[in-house]
Amino acid sequence: MWVSVDFCLVPIGAGLSLSPYISACKSIIEKHCLDYELGPNGTAIEGNWEEVFQCIKDCHEEVHSLGTNRIYTTLKINTRIDKKQSFREKVPSVIAKGVNT
């Protein structure tokens, strides 16, 4: 099943800068060859369900290996079975209909 997620991983007790952990997760997402887009408060990722959730697991394992004992993650999960629609198509679709973003 095709899935699109909004993924936000927060290492607890890691200090104020999260960029080293985000960078580590970005590398893992790229190794999984998943389409993604970094955002200011999370990352959009899409692909096959099993691959996306294996990637999220791998991100957790990597951030733990960097010395983080606790991680808090939020996910928004979107699946659609009538057609394959990329997250990159959603905003332009709204704009094309004349709705301001």
PDB file of N, CA and C in Angstrom:
ATOM      1  N   MET A   1       0.849  -1.183   0.000  1.00  0.00           N
ATOM      2  CA  MET A   1       0.000   0.000   0.000  1.00  0.00           C
ATOM      3  C   MET A   1       0.890   1.240   0.000  1.00  0.00           C
ATOM      4  N   TRP A   2       0.526   2.217  -0.815  1.00  0.00           N
ATOM      5  CA  TRP A   2       1.235   3.490  -0.890  1.00  0.00           C
ATOM      6  C   TRP A   2       0.843   4.342   0.311  1.00  0.00           C
ATOM      7  N   VAL A   3       1.811   4.994   0.950  1.00  0.00           N
ATOM      8  CA  VAL A   3       1.542   5.810   2.128  1.00  0.00           C
ATOM      9  C   VAL A   3       2.339   7.104   2.053  1.00  0.00           C
ATOM     10  N   SER A   4       1.726   8.152   2.546  1.00  0.00           N
ATOM     11  CA  SER A   4       2.375   9.439   2.693  1.00  0.00           C
ATOM     12  C   SER A   4       2.296   9.796   4.178  1.00  0.00           C
ATOM     13  N   VAL A   5       3.427  10.162   4.768  1.00  0.00           N
ATOM     14  CA  VAL A   5       3.436  10.493   6.195  1.00  0.00           C
ATOM     15  C   VAL A   5       4.083  11.848   6.423  1.00  0.00           C
ATOM     16  N   ASP A   6       3.658  12.493   7.480  1.00  0.00           N
ATOM     17  CA  ASP A   6       4.378  13.627   8.051  1.00  0.00           C
ATOM     18  C   ASP A   6       5.055  13.071   9.292  1.00  0.00           C
ATOM     19  N   PHE A   7       6.373  13.151   9.335  1.00  0.00           N
ATOM     20  CA  PHE A   7       7.204  12.492  10.338  1.00  0.00           C
ATOM     21  C   PHE A   7       7.977  13.549  11.113  1.00  0.00           C
ATOM     22  N   CYS A   8       7.817  13.528  12.430  1.00  0.00           N
ATOM     23  CA  CYS A   8       8.555  14.464  13.278  1.00  0.00           C
ATOM     24  C   CYS A   8       9.159  13.687  14.443  1.00  0.00           C
ATOM     25  N   LEU A   9      10.468  13.552  14.436  1.00  0.00           N
ATOM     26  CA  LEU A   9      11.202  12.818  15.468  1.00  0.00           C
ATOM     27  C   LEU A   9      11.909  13.826  16.367  1.00  0.00           C
ATOM     28  N   VAL A  10      11.683  13.712  17.675  1.00  0.00           N
ATOM     29  CA  VAL A  10      12.298  14.637  18.630  1.00  0.00           C
ATOM     30  C   VAL A  10      13.076  13.841  19.673  1.00  0.00           C
ATOM     31  N   PRO A  11      14.412  13.937  19.637  1.00  0.00           N
ATOM     32  CA  PRO A  11      15.203  13.276  20.676  1.00  0.00           C
ATOM     33  C   PRO A  11      15.063  14.055  21.985  1.00  0.00           C
ATOM     34  N   ILE A  12      14.682  13.372  23.022  1.00  0.00           N
ATOM     35  CA  ILE A  12      14.498  14.009  24.335  1.00  0.00           C
ATOM     36  C   ILE A  12      15.852  14.106  25.046  1.00  0.00           C
ATOM     37  N   GLY A  13      16.160  15.303  25.548  1.00  0.00           N
ATOM     38  CA  GLY A  13      17.399  15.513  26.287  1.00  0.00           C
ATOM     39  C   GLY A  13      18.616  15.718  25.391  1.00  0.00           C
ATOM     40  N   ALA A  14      18.373  16.028  24.118  1.00  0.00           N
ATOM     41  CA  ALA A  14      19.483  16.157  23.170  1.00  0.00           C
ATOM     42  C   ALA A  14      19.988  17.585  23.027  1.00  0.00           C
ATOM     43  N   GLY A  15      19.437  18.507  23.791  1.00  0.00           N
ATOM     44  CA  GLY A  15      19.847  19.889  23.660  1.00  0.00           C
ATOM     45  C   GLY A  15      18.917  20.646  22.730  1.00  0.00           C
ATOM     46  N   LEU A  16      19.276  21.868  22.417  1.00  0.00           N
ATOM     47  CA  LEU A  16      18.400  22.725  21.626  1.00  0.00           C
ATOM     48  C   LEU A  16      18.486  22.475  20.128  1.00  0.00           C
ATOM     49  N   SER A  17      19.642  22.132  19.617  1.00  0.00           N
ATOM     50  CA  SER A  17      19.793  21.935  18.176  1.00  0.00           C
ATOM     51  C   SER A  17      19.484  20.492  17.801  1.00  0.00           C
ATOM     52  N   LEU A  18      18.516  20.333  16.916  1.00  0.00           N
ATOM     53  CA  LEU A  18      18.143  18.996  16.455  1.00  0.00           C
ATOM     54  C   LEU A  18      18.731  18.673  15.090  1.00  0.00           C
ATOM     55  N   SER A  19      19.427  19.635  14.483  1.00  0.00           N
ATOM     56  CA  SER A  19      19.906  19.438  13.111  1.00  0.00           C
ATOM     57  C   SER A  19      20.808  18.217  12.930  1.00  0.00           C
ATOM     58  N   PRO A  20      21.670  17.840  13.884  1.00  0.00           N
ATOM     59  CA  PRO A  20      22.469  16.625  13.664  1.00  0.00           C
ATOM     60  C   PRO A  20      21.602  15.371  13.544  1.00  0.00           C
ATOM     61  N   TYR A  21      20.514  15.324  14.293  1.00  0.00           N
ATOM     62  CA  TYR A  21      19.627  14.164  14.280  1.00  0.00           C
ATOM     63  C   TYR A  21      18.770  14.159  13.011  1.00  0.00           C
ATOM     64  N   ILE A  22      18.327  15.344  12.608  1.00  0.00           N
ATOM     65  CA  ILE A  22      17.556  15.461  11.371  1.00  0.00           C
ATOM     66  C   ILE A  22      18.437  15.075  10.190  1.00  0.00           C
ATOM     67  N   SER A  23      19.672  15.500  10.205  1.00  0.00           N
ATOM     68  CA  SER A  23      20.601  15.160   9.143  1.00  0.00           C
ATOM     69  C   SER A  23      20.830  13.649   9.074  1.00  0.00           C
ATOM     70  N   ALA A  24      20.946  13.017  10.228  1.00  0.00           N
ATOM     71  CA  ALA A  24      21.129  11.557  10.264  1.00  0.00           C
ATOM     72  C   ALA A  24      19.899  10.858   9.684  1.00  0.00           C
ATOM     73  N   CYS A  25      18.712  11.340  10.025  1.00  0.00           N
ATOM     74  CA  CYS A  25      17.485  10.750   9.487  1.00  0.00           C
ATOM     75  C   CYS A  25      17.360  11.013   7.994  1.00  0.00           C
ATOM     76  N   LYS A  26      17.767  12.183   7.546  1.00  0.00           N
ATOM     77  CA  LYS A  26      17.730  12.509   6.115  1.00  0.00           C
ATOM     78  C   LYS A  26      18.582  11.510   5.332  1.00  0.00           C
ATOM     79  N   SER A  27      19.748  11.178   5.850  1.00  0.00           N
ATOM     80  CA  SER A  27      20.616  10.201   5.192  1.00  0.00           C
ATOM     81  C   SER A  27      19.944   8.830   5.110  1.00  0.00           C
ATOM     82  N   ILE A  28      19.247   8.452   6.161  1.00  0.00           N
ATOM     83  CA  ILE A  28      18.551   7.160   6.173  1.00  0.00           C
ATOM     84  C   ILE A  28      17.417   7.159   5.160  1.00  0.00           C
ATOM     85  N   ILE A  29      16.660   8.241   5.109  1.00  0.00           N
ATOM     86  CA  ILE A  29      15.560   8.345   4.130  1.00  0.00           C
ATOM     87  C   ILE A  29      16.124   8.207   2.716  1.00  0.00           C
ATOM     88  N   GLU A  30      17.238   8.861   2.457  1.00  0.00           N
ATOM     89  CA  GLU A  30      17.867   8.786   1.142  1.00  0.00           C
ATOM     90  C   GLU A  30      18.361   7.374   0.837  1.00  0.00           C
ATOM     91  N   LYS A  31      18.891   6.669   1.837  1.00  0.00           N
ATOM     92  CA  LYS A  31      19.333   5.280   1.640  1.00  0.00           C
ATOM     93  C   LYS A  31      18.158   4.380   1.265  1.00  0.00           C
ATOM     94  N   HIS A  32      16.985   4.705   1.791  1.00  0.00           N
ATOM     95  CA  HIS A  32      15.777   3.932   1.473  1.00  0.00           C
ATOM     96  C   HIS A  32      15.191   4.333   0.115  1.00  0.00           C
ATOM     97  N   CYS A  33      15.772   5.359  -0.517  1.00  0.00           N
ATOM     98  CA  CYS A  33      15.323   5.852  -1.835  1.00  0.00           C
ATOM     99  C   CYS A  33      13.845   6.269  -1.819  1.00  0.00           C
ATOM    100  N   LEU A  34      13.428   6.886  -0.720  1.00  0.00           N
ATOM    101  CA  LEU A  34      12.052   7.369  -0.600  1.00  0.00           C
ATOM    102  C   LEU A  34      11.980   8.836  -1.003  1.00  0.00           C
ATOM    103  N   ASP A  35      10.844   9.225  -1.555  1.00  0.00           N
ATOM    104  CA  ASP A  35      10.627  10.634  -1.867  1.00  0.00           C
ATOM    105  C   ASP A  35      10.324  11.343  -0.547  1.00  0.00           C
ATOM    106  N   TYR A  36      10.926  12.498  -0.341  1.00  0.00           N
ATOM    107  CA  TYR A  36      10.726  13.219   0.914  1.00  0.00           C
ATOM    108  C   TYR A  36      10.885  14.711   0.678  1.00  0.00           C
ATOM    109  N   GLU A  37      10.394  15.463   1.644  1.00  0.00           N
ATOM    110  CA  GLU A  37      10.579  16.913   1.640  1.00  0.00           C
ATOM    111  C   GLU A  37      10.717  17.371   3.078  1.00  0.00           C
ATOM    112  N   LEU A  38      11.866  17.972   3.390  1.00  0.00           N
ATOM    113  CA  LEU A  38      12.071  18.520   4.729  1.00  0.00           C
ATOM    114  C   LEU A  38      11.194  19.747   4.907  1.00  0.00           C
ATOM    115  N   GLY A  39      10.620  19.871   6.081  1.00  0.00           N
ATOM    116  CA  GLY A  39       9.836  21.048   6.427  1.00  0.00           C
ATOM    117  C   GLY A  39      10.364  21.644   7.719  1.00  0.00           C
ATOM    118  N   PRO A  40       9.838  22.786   8.127  1.00  0.00           N
ATOM    119  CA  PRO A  40      10.347  23.434   9.328  1.00  0.00           C
ATOM    120  C   PRO A  40      10.022  22.681  10.616  1.00  0.00           C
ATOM    121  N   ASN A  41       8.983  21.844  10.580  1.00  0.00           N
ATOM    122  CA  ASN A  41       8.571  21.130  11.790  1.00  0.00           C
ATOM    123  C   ASN A  41       8.367  19.643  11.556  1.00  0.00           C
ATOM    124  N   GLY A  42       8.955  19.114  10.508  1.00  0.00           N
ATOM    125  CA  GLY A  42       8.807  17.698  10.215  1.00  0.00           C
ATOM    126  C   GLY A  42       9.198  17.423   8.777  1.00  0.00           C
ATOM    127  N   THR A  43       9.065  16.162   8.401  1.00  0.00           N
ATOM    128  CA  THR A  43       9.455  15.726   7.066  1.00  0.00           C
ATOM    129  C   THR A  43       8.323  14.929   6.445  1.00  0.00           C
ATOM    130  N   ALA A  44       7.958  15.275   5.224  1.00  0.00           N
ATOM    131  CA  ALA A  44       6.995  14.486   4.457  1.00  0.00           C
ATOM    132  C   ALA A  44       7.767  13.362   3.782  1.00  0.00           C
ATOM    133  N   ILE A  45       7.260  12.148   3.909  1.00  0.00           N
ATOM    134  CA  ILE A  45       7.890  10.977   3.285  1.00  0.00           C
ATOM    135  C   ILE A  45       6.780  10.170   2.630  1.00  0.00           C
ATOM    136  N   GLU A  46       7.066   9.621   1.447  1.00  0.00           N
ATOM    137  CA  GLU A  46       6.081   8.740   0.847  1.00  0.00           C
ATOM    138  C   GLU A  46       6.750   7.570   0.152  1.00  0.00           C
ATOM    139  N   GLY A  47       5.975   6.492   0.067  1.00  0.00           N
ATOM    140  CA  GLY A  47       6.458   5.273  -0.569  1.00  0.00           C
ATOM    141  C   GLY A  47       5.616   4.107  -0.140  1.00  0.00           C
ATOM    142  N   ASN A  48       6.132   2.929  -0.392  1.00  0.00           N
ATOM    143  CA  ASN A  48       5.470   1.699   0.022  1.00  0.00           C
ATOM    144  C   ASN A  48       5.402   1.655   1.549  1.00  0.00           C
ATOM    145  N   TRP A  49       4.271   1.217   2.092  1.00  0.00           N
ATOM    146  CA  TRP A  49       4.040   1.187   3.553  1.00  0.00           C
ATOM    147  C   TRP A  49       5.217   0.561   4.287  1.00  0.00           C
ATOM    148  N   GLU A  50       5.610  -0.651   3.896  1.00  0.00           N
ATOM    149  CA  GLU A  50       6.669  -1.370   4.610  1.00  0.00           C
ATOM    150  C   GLU A  50       7.990  -0.608   4.563  1.00  0.00           C
ATOM    151  N   GLU A  51       8.309  -0.025   3.425  1.00  0.00           N
ATOM    152  CA  GLU A  51       9.559   0.712   3.288  1.00  0.00           C
ATOM    153  C   GLU A  51       9.565   1.981   4.134  1.00  0.00           C
ATOM    154  N   VAL A  52       8.443   2.692   4.148  1.00  0.00           N
ATOM    155  CA  VAL A  52       8.358   3.931   4.926  1.00  0.00           C
ATOM    156  C   VAL A  52       8.490   3.628   6.412  1.00  0.00           C
ATOM    157  N   PHE A  53       7.787   2.604   6.887  1.00  0.00           N
ATOM    158  CA  PHE A  53       7.846   2.324   8.320  1.00  0.00           C
ATOM    159  C   PHE A  53       9.161   1.661   8.730  1.00  0.00           C
ATOM    160  N   GLN A  54       9.798   0.946   7.816  1.00  0.00           N
ATOM    161  CA  GLN A  54      11.153   0.445   8.103  1.00  0.00           C
ATOM    162  C   GLN A  54      12.115   1.626   8.209  1.00  0.00           C
ATOM    163  N   CYS A  55      11.944   2.612   7.356  1.00  0.00           N
ATOM    164  CA  CYS A  55      12.771   3.817   7.391  1.00  0.00           C
ATOM    165  C   CYS A  55      12.610   4.541   8.733  1.00  0.00           C
ATOM    166  N   ILE A  56      11.375   4.680   9.182  1.00  0.00           N
ATOM    167  CA  ILE A  56      11.125   5.343  10.476  1.00  0.00           C
ATOM    168  C   ILE A  56      11.790   4.566  11.606  1.00  0.00           C
ATOM    169  N   LYS A  57      11.678   3.247  11.562  1.00  0.00           N
ATOM    170  CA  LYS A  57      12.347   2.406  12.571  1.00  0.00           C
ATOM    171  C   LYS A  57      13.859   2.631  12.516  1.00  0.00           C
ATOM    172  N   ASP A  58      14.413   2.642  11.295  1.00  0.00           N
ATOM    173  CA  ASP A  58      15.853   2.853  11.146  1.00  0.00           C
ATOM    174  C   ASP A  58      16.285   4.223  11.671  1.00  0.00           C
ATOM    175  N   CYS A  59      15.445   5.228  11.475  1.00  0.00           N
ATOM    176  CA  CYS A  59      15.741   6.562  12.028  1.00  0.00           C
ATOM    177  C   CYS A  59      15.798   6.496  13.546  1.00  0.00           C
ATOM    178  N   HIS A  60      14.833   5.823  14.157  1.00  0.00           N
ATOM    179  CA  HIS A  60      14.847   5.679  15.619  1.00  0.00           C
ATOM    180  C   HIS A  60      16.126   4.975  16.071  1.00  0.00           C
ATOM    181  N   GLU A  61      16.466   3.885  15.407  1.00  0.00           N
ATOM    182  CA  GLU A  61      17.661   3.136  15.810  1.00  0.00           C
ATOM    183  C   GLU A  61      18.924   3.986  15.676  1.00  0.00           C
ATOM    184  N   GLU A  62      19.012   4.768  14.596  1.00  0.00           N
ATOM    185  CA  GLU A  62      20.190   5.621  14.391  1.00  0.00           C
ATOM    186  C   GLU A  62      20.276   6.715  15.454  1.00  0.00           C
ATOM    187  N   VAL A  63      19.167   7.371  15.736  1.00  0.00           N
ATOM    188  CA  VAL A  63      19.185   8.446  16.736  1.00  0.00           C
ATOM    189  C   VAL A  63      19.500   7.874  18.119  1.00  0.00           C
ATOM    190  N   HIS A  64      18.990   6.687  18.440  1.00  0.00           N
ATOM    191  CA  HIS A  64      19.374   6.042  19.701  1.00  0.00           C
ATOM    192  C   HIS A  64      20.875   5.750  19.717  1.00  0.00           C
ATOM    193  N   SER A  65      21.414   5.301  18.576  1.00  0.00           N
ATOM    194  CA  SER A  65      22.847   4.978  18.527  1.00  0.00           C
ATOM    195  C   SER A  65      23.721   6.220  18.701  1.00  0.00           C
ATOM    196  N   LEU A  66      23.147   7.386  18.450  1.00  0.00           N
ATOM    197  CA  LEU A  66      23.876   8.647  18.638  1.00  0.00           C
ATOM    198  C   LEU A  66      23.862   9.114  20.093  1.00  0.00           C
ATOM    199  N   GLY A  67      23.296   8.297  20.980  1.00  0.00           N
ATOM    200  CA  GLY A  67      23.328   8.601  22.408  1.00  0.00           C
ATOM    201  C   GLY A  67      22.025   9.095  23.004  1.00  0.00           C
ATOM    202  N   THR A  68      20.963   9.096  22.227  1.00  0.00           N
ATOM    203  CA  THR A  68      19.677   9.544  22.736  1.00  0.00           C
ATOM    204  C   THR A  68      18.933   8.361  23.362  1.00  0.00           C
ATOM    205  N   ASN A  69      18.583   8.509  24.624  1.00  0.00           N
ATOM    206  CA  ASN A  69      17.886   7.428  25.322  1.00  0.00           C
ATOM    207  C   ASN A  69      16.385   7.416  25.072  1.00  0.00           C
ATOM    208  N   ARG A  70      15.838   8.586  24.721  1.00  0.00           N
ATOM    209  CA  ARG A  70      14.388   8.673  24.548  1.00  0.00           C
ATOM    210  C   ARG A  70      14.072   9.508  23.313  1.00  0.00           C
ATOM    211  N   ILE A  71      13.075   9.051  22.555  1.00  0.00           N
ATOM    212  CA  ILE A  71      12.636   9.751  21.349  1.00  0.00           C
ATOM    213  C   ILE A  71      11.120   9.865  21.390  1.00  0.00           C
ATOM    214  N   TYR A  72      10.635  11.043  21.035  1.00  0.00           N
ATOM    215  CA  TYR A  72       9.195  11.258  20.890  1.00  0.00           C
ATOM    216  C   TYR A  72       8.932  11.549  19.427  1.00  0.00           C
ATOM    217  N   THR A  73       8.065  10.748  18.803  1.00  0.00           N
ATOM    218  CA  THR A  73       7.769  10.910  17.378  1.00  0.00           C
ATOM    219  C   THR A  73       6.283  11.104  17.168  1.00  0.00           C
ATOM    220  N   THR A  74       5.954  12.028  16.270  1.00  0.00           N
ATOM    221  CA  THR A  74       4.567  12.170  15.827  1.00  0.00           C
ATOM    222  C   THR A  74       4.514  11.822  14.346  1.00  0.00           C
ATOM    223  N   LEU A  75       3.413  11.173  13.963  1.00  0.00           N
ATOM    224  CA  LEU A  75       3.187  10.783  12.576  1.00  0.00           C
ATOM    225  C   LEU A  75       1.778  11.159  12.174  1.00  0.00           C
ATOM    226  N   LYS A  76       1.651  11.684  10.986  1.00  0.00           N
ATOM    227  CA  LYS A  76       0.353  11.813  10.327  1.00  0.00           C
ATOM    228  C   LYS A  76       0.450  10.871   9.137  1.00  0.00           C
ATOM    229  N   ILE A  77      -0.522   9.987   9.001  1.00  0.00           N
ATOM    230  CA  ILE A  77      -0.463   8.939   7.982  1.00  0.00           C
ATOM    231  C   ILE A  77      -1.621   9.105   7.019  1.00  0.00           C
ATOM    232  N   ASN A  78      -1.312   9.094   5.722  1.00  0.00           N
ATOM    233  CA  ASN A  78      -2.331   9.231   4.693  1.00  0.00           C
ATOM    234  C   ASN A  78      -2.188   8.082   3.701  1.00  0.00           C
ATOM    235  N   THR A  79      -3.269   7.342   3.511  1.00  0.00           N
ATOM    236  CA  THR A  79      -3.286   6.314   2.470  1.00  0.00           C
ATOM    237  C   THR A  79      -4.477   6.576   1.564  1.00  0.00           C
ATOM    238  N   ARG A  80      -4.314   6.170   0.338  1.00  0.00           N
ATOM    239  CA  ARG A  80      -5.381   6.339  -0.642  1.00  0.00           C
ATOM    240  C   ARG A  80      -5.302   5.161  -1.604  1.00  0.00           C
ATOM    241  N   ILE A  81      -6.436   4.488  -1.845  1.00  0.00           N
ATOM    242  CA  ILE A  81      -6.393   3.298  -2.690  1.00  0.00           C
ATOM    243  C   ILE A  81      -7.013   3.507  -4.067  1.00  0.00           C
ATOM    244  N   ASP A  82      -7.676   4.650  -4.297  1.00  0.00           N
ATOM    245  CA  ASP A  82      -8.306   4.848  -5.606  1.00  0.00           C
ATOM    246  C   ASP A  82      -7.325   5.376  -6.654  1.00  0.00           C
ATOM    247  N   LYS A  83      -6.243   6.029  -6.203  1.00  0.00           N
ATOM    248  CA  LYS A  83      -5.212   6.481  -7.122  1.00  0.00           C
ATOM    249  C   LYS A  83      -3.947   6.795  -6.334  1.00  0.00           C
ATOM    250  N   LYS A  84      -2.828   6.808  -7.046  1.00  0.00           N
ATOM    251  CA  LYS A  84      -1.555   7.159  -6.428  1.00  0.00           C
ATOM    252  C   LYS A  84      -1.347   8.657  -6.605  1.00  0.00           C
ATOM    253  N   GLN A  85      -1.323   9.373  -5.486  1.00  0.00           N
ATOM    254  CA  GLN A  85      -1.163  10.820  -5.522  1.00  0.00           C
ATOM    255  C   GLN A  85      -0.004  11.220  -4.631  1.00  0.00           C
ATOM    256  N   SER A  86       0.960  11.897  -5.200  1.00  0.00           N
ATOM    257  CA  SER A  86       2.129  12.344  -4.466  1.00  0.00           C
ATOM    258  C   SER A  86       1.780  13.554  -3.587  1.00  0.00           C
ATOM    259  N   PHE A  87       2.483  13.677  -2.472  1.00  0.00           N
ATOM    260  CA  PHE A  87       2.279  14.862  -1.636  1.00  0.00           C
ATOM    261  C   PHE A  87       2.657  16.123  -2.401  1.00  0.00           C
ATOM    262  N   ARG A  88       3.520  16.003  -3.377  1.00  0.00           N
ATOM    263  CA  ARG A  88       3.929  17.157  -4.186  1.00  0.00           C
ATOM    264  C   ARG A  88       2.801  17.650  -5.095  1.00  0.00           C
ATOM    265  N   GLU A  89       1.783  16.831  -5.322  1.00  0.00           N
ATOM    266  CA  GLU A  89       0.664  17.211  -6.174  1.00  0.00           C
ATOM    267  C   GLU A  89      -0.463  17.907  -5.396  1.00  0.00           C
ATOM    268  N   LYS A  90      -0.486  17.768  -4.093  1.00  0.00           N
ATOM    269  CA  LYS A  90      -1.622  18.236  -3.299  1.00  0.00           C
ATOM    270  C   LYS A  90      -1.741  19.760  -3.248  1.00  0.00           C
ATOM    271  N   VAL A  91      -0.673  20.449  -2.926  1.00  0.00           N
ATOM    272  CA  VAL A  91      -0.732  21.913  -2.816  1.00  0.00           C
ATOM    273  C   VAL A  91      -1.018  22.549  -4.174  1.00  0.00           C
ATOM    274  N   PRO A  92      -0.316  22.144  -5.241  1.00  0.00           N
ATOM    275  CA  PRO A  92      -0.655  22.713  -6.552  1.00  0.00           C
ATOM    276  C   PRO A  92      -2.110  22.458  -6.949  1.00  0.00           C
ATOM    277  N   SER A  93      -2.665  21.327  -6.529  1.00  0.00           N
ATOM    278  CA  SER A  93      -4.064  21.027  -6.823  1.00  0.00           C
ATOM    279  C   SER A  93      -4.993  22.037  -6.145  1.00  0.00           C
ATOM    280  N   VAL A  94      -4.688  22.378  -4.911  1.00  0.00           N
ATOM    281  CA  VAL A  94      -5.495  23.369  -4.197  1.00  0.00           C
ATOM    282  C   VAL A  94      -5.340  24.742  -4.836  1.00  0.00           C
ATOM    283  N   ILE A  95      -4.104  25.107  -5.171  1.00  0.00           N
ATOM    284  CA  ILE A  95      -3.842  26.416  -5.789  1.00  0.00           C
ATOM    285  C   ILE A  95      -4.555  26.516  -7.129  1.00  0.00           C
ATOM    286  N   ALA A  96      -4.558  25.449  -7.912  1.00  0.00           N
ATOM    287  CA  ALA A  96      -5.208  25.451  -9.217  1.00  0.00           C
ATOM    288  C   ALA A  96      -6.716  25.679  -9.101  1.00  0.00           C
ATOM    289  N   LYS A  97      -7.268  25.321  -7.965  1.00  0.00           N
ATOM    290  CA  LYS A  97      -8.707  25.506  -7.744  1.00  0.00           C
ATOM    291  C   LYS A  97      -9.016  26.904  -7.213  1.00  0.00           C
ATOM    292  N   GLY A  98      -7.979  27.747  -7.082  1.00  0.00           N
ATOM    293  CA  GLY A  98      -8.187  29.128  -6.655  1.00  0.00           C
ATOM    294  C   GLY A  98      -8.269  29.336  -5.171  1.00  0.00           C
ATOM    295  N   VAL A  99      -7.862  28.346  -4.385  1.00  0.00           N
ATOM    296  CA  VAL A  99      -7.889  28.479  -2.931  1.00  0.00           C
ATOM    297  C   VAL A  99      -6.533  28.996  -2.475  1.00  0.00           C
ATOM    298  N   ASN A 100      -6.525  30.066  -1.721  1.00  0.00           N
ATOM    299  CA  ASN A 100      -5.272  30.637  -1.219  1.00  0.00           C
ATOM    300  C   ASN A 100      -4.667  29.748  -0.157  1.00  0.00           C
ATOM    301  N   THR A 101      -3.339  29.648  -0.174  1.00  0.00           N
ATOM    302  CA  THR A 101      -2.633  28.873   0.857  1.00  0.00           C
ATOM    303  C   THR A 101      -1.942  29.796   1.817  1.00  0.00           C
TER     304      THR A 101
END
